[in-house]
Structures are given as C-alpha cells and as structure tokens.
C-alpha cells in the first residue's frame, strides 16, 4: 500500500484524452504540453514521499 502514490502520476499521464486540448495556453505552449511539464514536479514529489515513507 506504500507504493500506491506512485500510481497517481501514471494514471494522470495515461488519461491524455482529459487534457488533450490547445486552450488554455501558457507562454505560448498549448495546454497538453505544459500539463505534461507540470507532471514532472508532481512525479518528483510523489516519488519523494514514497521514498521517505519506505525509508522509515
């Protein structure tokens, strides 16, 4: 159960039809691209939380 948090970024990345759109744009990037870039820090935080939880 400790590793369930790792499924969150995977599930979001696989749900591409939910965020496959052009609008809204951020600094000229369509929503699809900047949402994928925003997924990177979310993944890092999830991995860090699981790592700290397993390490204890």
N, C-alpha and C. Protein backbone atom coordinates (compact mmCIF):
# COMPACT_ATOMS: atom_id res chain seq x y z
N UNK A 1 0.81 -1.19 0.00
CA UNK A 1 0.00 0.00 0.00
C UNK A 1 0.86 1.26 0.00
N UNK A 2 2.10 1.13 0.40
CA UNK A 2 3.00 2.28 0.45
C UNK A 2 3.28 2.83 -0.95
N UNK A 3 3.21 1.98 -1.94
CA UNK A 3 3.58 2.39 -3.29
C UNK A 3 2.39 2.86 -4.12
N UNK A 4 1.22 2.95 -3.53
CA UNK A 4 0.02 3.35 -4.27
C UNK A 4 0.13 4.77 -4.79
N UNK A 5 0.87 5.62 -4.10
CA UNK A 5 1.03 7.00 -4.52
C UNK A 5 1.78 7.11 -5.85
N UNK A 6 2.57 6.11 -6.18
CA UNK A 6 3.31 6.13 -7.44
C UNK A 6 2.39 5.95 -8.64
N UNK A 7 1.21 5.43 -8.40
CA UNK A 7 0.25 5.24 -9.48
C UNK A 7 -0.43 6.53 -9.92
N UNK A 8 -0.41 7.55 -9.07
CA UNK A 8 -1.07 8.81 -9.39
C UNK A 8 -0.48 9.49 -10.63
N UNK A 9 0.83 9.71 -10.72
CA UNK A 9 1.37 10.33 -11.94
C UNK A 9 1.17 9.45 -13.18
N UNK A 10 1.22 8.14 -13.00
CA UNK A 10 1.00 7.24 -14.13
C UNK A 10 -0.43 7.35 -14.63
N UNK A 11 -1.38 7.39 -13.71
CA UNK A 11 -2.79 7.49 -14.09
C UNK A 11 -3.07 8.82 -14.78
N UNK A 12 -2.47 9.89 -14.29
CA UNK A 12 -2.68 11.20 -14.92
C UNK A 12 -2.06 11.22 -16.32
N UNK A 13 -0.89 10.64 -16.47
CA UNK A 13 -0.24 10.63 -17.79
C UNK A 13 -1.02 9.77 -18.78
N UNK A 14 -1.64 8.71 -18.32
CA UNK A 14 -2.40 7.84 -19.21
C UNK A 14 -3.79 8.38 -19.53
N UNK A 15 -4.23 9.39 -18.81
CA UNK A 15 -5.55 9.98 -19.05
C UNK A 15 -5.43 11.14 -20.03
N UNK A 16 -4.69 10.96 -21.09
CA UNK A 16 -4.43 12.03 -22.06
C UNK A 16 -5.70 12.62 -22.69
N UNK A 17 -6.74 11.84 -22.94
CA UNK A 17 -7.94 12.48 -23.52
C UNK A 17 -8.56 13.56 -22.63
N UNK A 18 -8.27 13.53 -21.34
CA UNK A 18 -8.82 14.54 -20.44
C UNK A 18 -8.14 15.90 -20.60
N UNK A 19 -6.88 15.90 -20.99
CA UNK A 19 -6.16 17.16 -21.10
C UNK A 19 -5.59 17.41 -22.49
N UNK A 20 -6.08 16.69 -23.48
CA UNK A 20 -5.61 16.86 -24.85
C UNK A 20 -6.36 18.02 -25.51
N UNK A 21 -5.89 19.23 -25.23
CA UNK A 21 -6.51 20.41 -25.82
C UNK A 21 -5.45 21.49 -26.03
N UNK A 22 -5.81 22.46 -26.82
CA UNK A 22 -4.87 23.55 -27.12
C UNK A 22 -5.02 24.68 -26.10
N UNK A 23 -6.23 25.01 -25.76
CA UNK A 23 -6.50 26.10 -24.82
C UNK A 23 -6.60 25.55 -23.41
N UNK A 24 -6.19 26.20 -22.39
CA UNK A 24 -5.55 27.50 -22.32
C UNK A 24 -4.05 27.39 -22.62
N UNK A 25 -3.53 28.45 -23.16
CA UNK A 25 -2.10 28.49 -23.46
C UNK A 25 -1.36 29.18 -22.31
N UNK A 26 -0.14 28.75 -22.09
CA UNK A 26 0.72 29.34 -21.07
C UNK A 26 2.06 29.63 -21.72
N UNK A 27 2.42 30.90 -21.84
CA UNK A 27 3.65 31.33 -22.52
C UNK A 27 3.73 30.79 -23.94
N UNK A 28 2.59 30.65 -24.59
CA UNK A 28 2.55 30.18 -25.97
C UNK A 28 2.49 28.67 -26.12
N UNK A 29 2.62 27.94 -25.03
CA UNK A 29 2.55 26.49 -25.09
C UNK A 29 1.11 26.03 -24.94
N UNK A 30 0.65 25.10 -25.78
CA UNK A 30 -0.69 24.56 -25.60
C UNK A 30 -0.81 23.81 -24.28
N UNK A 31 -2.04 23.65 -23.81
CA UNK A 31 -2.30 23.02 -22.52
C UNK A 31 -1.69 21.63 -22.42
N UNK A 32 -1.75 20.87 -23.51
CA UNK A 32 -1.22 19.50 -23.47
C UNK A 32 0.25 19.49 -23.08
N UNK A 33 1.04 20.39 -23.66
CA UNK A 33 2.49 20.38 -23.40
C UNK A 33 2.83 20.89 -22.00
N UNK A 34 2.21 22.00 -21.58
CA UNK A 34 2.58 22.50 -20.25
C UNK A 34 2.00 21.66 -19.14
N UNK A 35 0.94 20.91 -19.41
CA UNK A 35 0.46 19.99 -18.38
C UNK A 35 1.41 18.81 -18.22
N UNK A 36 2.00 18.38 -19.32
CA UNK A 36 3.00 17.31 -19.24
C UNK A 36 4.23 17.80 -18.48
N UNK A 37 4.63 19.04 -18.70
CA UNK A 37 5.76 19.59 -17.97
C UNK A 37 5.43 19.77 -16.49
N UNK A 38 4.19 20.09 -16.17
CA UNK A 38 3.78 20.23 -14.77
C UNK A 38 3.71 18.88 -14.08
N UNK A 39 3.58 17.83 -14.86
CA UNK A 39 3.52 16.48 -14.29
C UNK A 39 4.88 16.04 -13.73
N UNK A 40 5.95 16.61 -14.22
CA UNK A 40 7.29 16.23 -13.76
C UNK A 40 7.50 16.56 -12.28
N UNK A 41 7.23 17.79 -11.82
CA UNK A 41 7.39 18.06 -10.38
C UNK A 41 6.42 17.24 -9.52
N UNK A 42 5.21 16.99 -10.03
CA UNK A 42 4.27 16.15 -9.29
C UNK A 42 4.83 14.74 -9.10
N UNK A 43 5.43 14.21 -10.13
CA UNK A 43 6.04 12.88 -10.05
C UNK A 43 7.20 12.87 -9.06
N UNK A 44 8.01 13.92 -9.08
CA UNK A 44 9.13 14.01 -8.15
C UNK A 44 8.63 14.04 -6.71
N UNK A 45 7.59 14.80 -6.45
CA UNK A 45 7.04 14.87 -5.09
C UNK A 45 6.48 13.52 -4.66
N UNK A 46 5.77 12.84 -5.55
CA UNK A 46 5.22 11.52 -5.21
C UNK A 46 6.31 10.51 -4.91
N UNK A 47 7.35 10.50 -5.73
CA UNK A 47 8.46 9.58 -5.50
C UNK A 47 9.17 9.91 -4.20
N UNK A 48 9.35 11.19 -3.89
CA UNK A 48 10.00 11.60 -2.65
C UNK A 48 9.19 11.18 -1.43
N UNK A 49 7.89 11.35 -1.48
CA UNK A 49 7.03 10.96 -0.36
C UNK A 49 7.10 9.45 -0.14
N UNK A 50 7.06 8.68 -1.21
CA UNK A 50 7.14 7.22 -1.08
C UNK A 50 8.52 6.81 -0.56
N UNK A 51 9.56 7.46 -1.06
CA UNK A 51 10.92 7.14 -0.61
C UNK A 51 11.08 7.40 0.89
N UNK A 52 10.60 8.55 1.35
CA UNK A 52 10.71 8.86 2.78
C UNK A 52 9.86 7.89 3.60
N UNK A 53 8.70 7.53 3.10
CA UNK A 53 7.84 6.58 3.82
C UNK A 53 8.42 5.18 3.91
N UNK A 54 9.09 4.74 2.87
CA UNK A 54 9.69 3.41 2.86
C UNK A 54 10.96 3.38 3.68
N UNK A 55 11.69 4.48 3.68
CA UNK A 55 12.97 4.55 4.38
C UNK A 55 12.80 4.44 5.88
N UNK A 56 11.67 4.91 6.40
CA UNK A 56 11.45 4.88 7.86
C UNK A 56 11.08 3.54 8.34
